[in-house]
Structures are given as structure tokens and as C-alpha cells.
Amino acid sequence: MYEFINKLRLTRQLTFEEGQINLLGKPTVMMLPADAFIELHNIYLKEDPVKLYEIGKAAGNDFHGLVAHYALDPQHVIKFGVQVFNISGFGRLEVEQMDYDNARCIMHIKNSIFVKTKSDEPVCHYIRGMLAGFMQKSLCKDIEAVEKACMAQGHQMCEFVLQKMAEFDKTSELVKRQLRV
């Protein structure tokens, strides 16, 4: 991770100016204590988790725009996006399975920012949305995401399934709750 940060700094893709942090040429990064973000997240989590997902999805679309012009094809965009995500403080993202032809992906996050949260249900709706929005733009397909396992539930990692909406089992209670189908 530090090697990647140093590479960004050496190429002036990560700069610090008074009042702002610039990443990839844009003033897009800010430091926010994790506990403050979690508190904001938990307010939305109680009120409307799907809205939290939609906000994350919009952020994922923006995130794609930030990294896309630094890579030539979807594979490189996704690889670069994972590297940038991994310095964001949300956790360590890993692509476990990737099927570009069918626009299907399984991603894991270790050391999630939400590890301190305890829940019977997955809670990473903002991250789930970010991943869906980013992959939707990267693959030029209508991608949605469902979190099947969450560290807040006591799992070792969070697991996200990303695929076309038509591929999800609409009878699954988890899919119904997370995607409002």
C-alpha cells in the first residue's frame, strides 16, 4: 500500500495543499474520522439502507470517473480502482472472482471500517453501492451488488456479489431487502 501511495506522490497524482488533498488531479479526498463516518452511516442505516446504497452507487460512479482515464481497458480500470480503494480507509478490497464476459464479480473486504458495528444483517450498504456504481461504469452494464456476508455479523470478511440485476434470485429475502425487488 505504501508503495502505491509513494508512486502517486512521485507522479504528483497525490498532493497536499493547504485546505485540500488532491487525488488524481482533483480535490476529492478529505480526512474524516472513521467514527464520524460510521455515525453518519448508522443514521442512514436505521432510516433507509437502500438510500445509503444509492448514495454509495453515485459515489462509485464518480470514483470511476476519477480513475478511468488512467487506464486503457476495464481490467486495468478495475485493478487501479482497487488500489485506490485500498488507500481510502474503508478496508482491504480483493477481487475474488471476475467474469468480464458475464459481468459477474465476487469481492471481499477485510478489515472493514464497520468491523466494530454489530448486526444480524449486513451493514456495508454504502460500500456495496460504491462497488456497484464503480463496476457498472467499468463494465458498461447495469450492475447491482448484494452483501452476502459482513464483518458486522461476525464473519471474517465482507463478501459482495456484483452482477446484472436479472441474474439475482428475486425470491431471496436478502436480495429483496438489499435491492428492494
Protein backbone atom coordinates (compact mmCIF):
# COMPACT_ATOMS: atom_id res chain seq x y z
CA MET A 1 0.00 0.00 0.00
CA TYR A 2 2.78 2.45 0.90
CA GLU A 3 4.49 1.71 -2.40
CA PHE A 4 1.29 2.70 -4.21
CA ILE A 5 0.95 5.90 -2.17
CA ASN A 6 4.59 6.77 -2.89
CA LYS A 7 4.04 6.14 -6.59
CA LEU A 8 1.05 8.51 -6.55
CA ARG A 9 3.06 11.16 -4.72
CA LEU A 10 6.09 10.84 -7.02
CA THR A 11 3.90 11.25 -10.10
CA ARG A 12 2.11 14.18 -8.42
CA GLN A 13 -1.18 12.29 -8.52
CA LEU A 14 -1.48 12.72 -4.76
CA THR A 15 -0.75 16.20 -3.49
CA PHE A 16 -1.41 18.06 -0.29
CA GLU A 17 -2.21 21.75 -0.42
CA GLU A 18 -3.42 23.95 2.36
CA GLY A 19 -7.09 23.19 2.79
CA GLN A 20 -7.32 20.22 0.45
CA ILE A 21 -5.97 16.85 -0.59
CA ASN A 22 -5.83 16.21 -4.32
CA LEU A 23 -6.03 12.69 -5.71
CA LEU A 24 -5.56 12.07 -9.42
CA GLY A 25 -5.65 15.77 -10.14
CA LYS A 26 -8.89 16.52 -8.32
CA PRO A 27 -9.57 17.89 -4.82
CA THR A 28 -11.56 14.79 -3.93
CA VAL A 29 -10.12 13.47 -0.72
CA MET A 30 -10.78 14.64 2.81
CA MET A 31 -9.89 13.25 6.17
CA LEU A 32 -12.89 12.29 8.23
CA PRO A 33 -12.59 10.31 11.44
CA ALA A 34 -13.89 6.77 10.90
CA ASP A 35 -16.18 7.06 13.91
CA ALA A 36 -17.84 10.15 12.41
CA PHE A 37 -18.41 8.39 9.09
CA ILE A 38 -19.79 5.32 10.89
CA GLU A 39 -22.16 7.54 12.89
CA LEU A 40 -23.47 9.14 9.67
CA HIS A 41 -23.74 5.71 8.10
CA ASN A 42 -25.67 4.33 11.07
CA ILE A 43 -28.20 7.18 10.91
CA TYR A 44 -28.99 6.29 7.29
CA LEU A 45 -28.80 2.59 8.12
CA LYS A 46 -31.73 2.98 10.53
CA GLU A 47 -33.74 5.26 8.25
CA ASP A 48 -33.22 3.80 4.76
CA PRO A 49 -30.38 1.37 3.94
CA VAL A 50 -31.33 1.35 0.24
CA LYS A 51 -30.88 5.15 0.11
CA LEU A 52 -27.43 4.63 1.62
CA TYR A 53 -26.74 2.12 -1.18
CA GLU A 54 -27.89 4.66 -3.80
CA ILE A 55 -25.62 7.35 -2.33
CA GLY A 56 -22.73 4.87 -2.45
CA LYS A 57 -23.60 3.95 -6.03
CA ALA A 58 -23.40 7.62 -7.07
CA ALA A 59 -20.02 7.84 -5.30
CA GLY A 60 -18.87 4.71 -7.17
CA ASN A 61 -19.85 6.32 -10.48
CA ASP A 62 -17.82 9.41 -9.54
CA PHE A 63 -14.93 7.23 -8.37
CA HIS A 64 -14.89 5.51 -11.77
CA GLY A 65 -14.64 8.90 -13.47
CA LEU A 66 -11.69 9.73 -11.26
CA VAL A 67 -9.65 6.62 -12.13
CA ALA A 68 -10.89 5.62 -15.60
CA HIS A 69 -8.73 7.94 -17.65
CA TYR A 70 -5.59 6.47 -16.03
CA ALA A 71 -6.19 3.02 -17.53
CA LEU A 72 -6.80 1.67 -21.01
CA ASP A 73 -9.37 -1.08 -20.54
CA PRO A 74 -11.86 -2.36 -17.93
CA GLN A 75 -9.36 -4.82 -16.42
CA HIS A 76 -6.84 -2.07 -15.75
CA VAL A 77 -9.51 0.38 -14.57
CA ILE A 78 -10.72 -2.18 -12.03
CA LYS A 79 -7.20 -3.09 -10.90
CA PHE A 80 -6.29 0.60 -10.46
CA GLY A 81 -9.63 1.29 -8.76
CA VAL A 82 -8.98 -1.49 -6.23
CA GLN A 83 -5.56 0.01 -5.45
CA VAL A 84 -7.05 3.46 -4.90
CA PHE A 85 -9.92 2.00 -2.84
CA ASN A 86 -7.38 0.25 -0.62
CA ILE A 87 -5.89 3.56 0.50
CA SER A 88 -9.33 5.03 1.25
CA GLY A 89 -9.71 3.67 4.77
CA PHE A 90 -12.82 1.53 4.13
CA GLY A 91 -10.89 -1.74 4.33
CA ARG A 92 -8.81 -4.01 2.10
CA LEU A 93 -10.68 -4.85 -1.10
CA GLU A 94 -9.84 -8.02 -3.03
CA VAL A 95 -11.37 -9.30 -6.24
CA GLU A 96 -12.00 -13.00 -5.60
CA GLN A 97 -13.72 -13.92 -8.87
CA MET A 98 -14.14 -11.91 -12.04
CA ASP A 99 -16.11 -12.87 -15.14
CA TYR A 100 -15.86 -9.97 -17.58
CA ASP A 101 -17.96 -11.68 -20.25
CA ASN A 102 -20.95 -12.15 -17.93
CA ALA A 103 -20.34 -9.01 -15.83
CA ARG A 104 -20.19 -11.01 -12.60
CA CYS A 105 -17.79 -10.48 -9.75
CA ILE A 106 -17.26 -11.54 -6.15
CA MET A 107 -15.31 -9.12 -3.96
CA HIS A 108 -14.13 -9.38 -0.36
CA ILE A 109 -13.27 -6.65 2.09
CA LYS A 110 -11.04 -7.42 5.03
CA ASN A 111 -10.51 -5.02 7.93
CA SER A 112 -13.77 -3.26 7.15
CA ILE A 113 -14.37 0.14 8.70
CA PHE A 114 -17.62 -1.36 10.04
CA VAL A 115 -15.96 -4.20 12.00
CA LYS A 116 -16.94 -2.55 15.31
CA THR A 117 -20.60 -2.46 14.31
CA LYS A 118 -22.58 -5.49 15.47
CA SER A 119 -25.61 -6.62 13.49
CA ASP A 120 -27.63 -9.65 12.44
CA GLU A 121 -27.76 -8.23 8.91
CA PRO A 122 -25.03 -6.99 6.53
CA VAL A 123 -24.47 -3.26 7.07
CA CYS A 124 -21.99 -2.14 4.39
CA HIS A 125 -24.62 -0.56 2.15
CA TYR A 126 -22.53 2.48 1.22
CA ILE A 127 -19.56 0.31 0.23
CA ARG A 128 -21.89 -2.09 -1.59
CA GLY A 129 -23.22 0.87 -3.57
CA MET A 130 -19.74 2.21 -4.28
CA LEU A 131 -18.67 -1.15 -5.68
CA ALA A 132 -21.84 -1.46 -7.78
CA GLY A 133 -21.50 2.06 -9.20
CA PHE A 134 -17.82 1.61 -9.98
CA MET A 135 -18.32 -1.78 -11.64
CA GLN A 136 -21.38 -0.56 -13.53
CA LYS A 137 -19.29 2.16 -15.17
CA SER A 138 -16.25 -0.08 -15.62
CA LEU A 139 -18.16 -2.86 -17.38
CA CYS A 140 -20.80 -0.66 -19.08
CA LYS A 141 -23.53 -2.94 -17.71
CA ASP A 142 -26.41 -2.48 -15.28
CA ILE A 143 -24.63 -3.91 -12.22
CA GLU A 144 -26.09 -4.25 -8.74
CA ALA A 145 -24.49 -5.60 -5.57
CA VAL A 146 -25.60 -7.72 -2.64
CA GLU A 147 -23.56 -8.18 0.52
CA LYS A 148 -23.81 -11.87 1.41
CA ALA A 149 -21.57 -11.83 4.49
CA CYS A 150 -20.48 -8.96 6.72
CA MET A 151 -17.85 -8.49 9.39
CA ALA A 152 -20.56 -6.76 11.47
CA GLN A 153 -22.25 -10.17 11.61
CA GLY A 154 -19.06 -11.78 12.89
CA HIS A 155 -17.74 -13.05 9.56
CA GLN A 156 -14.00 -12.94 8.80
CA MET A 157 -14.65 -10.61 5.84
CA CYS A 158 -17.42 -8.89 3.95
CA GLU A 159 -18.45 -10.61 0.73
CA PHE A 160 -20.15 -8.81 -2.14
CA VAL A 161 -21.72 -10.36 -5.22
CA LEU A 162 -21.90 -7.97 -8.15
CA GLN A 163 -23.84 -8.88 -11.27
CA LYS A 164 -26.65 -7.85 -13.59
CA MET A 165 -29.96 -7.33 -11.80
CA ALA A 166 -31.60 -10.04 -13.92
CA GLU A 167 -29.12 -12.60 -12.53
CA PHE A 168 -30.15 -12.17 -8.88
CA ASP A 169 -32.67 -14.55 -7.30
CA LYS A 170 -35.64 -12.23 -6.76
CA THR A 171 -37.14 -14.68 -4.25
CA SER A 172 -34.15 -14.37 -1.91
CA GLU A 173 -35.01 -12.38 1.22
CA LEU A 174 -31.51 -10.87 1.24
CA VAL A 175 -31.89 -9.67 -2.36
CA LYS A 176 -35.37 -8.32 -1.61
CA ARG A 177 -34.11 -6.32 1.39
CA GLN A 178 -30.93 -5.01 -0.19
CA LEU A 179 -32.23 -4.22 -3.69
CA ARG A 180 -35.94 -3.60 -3.00
CA VAL A 181 -37.22 -6.08 -5.55
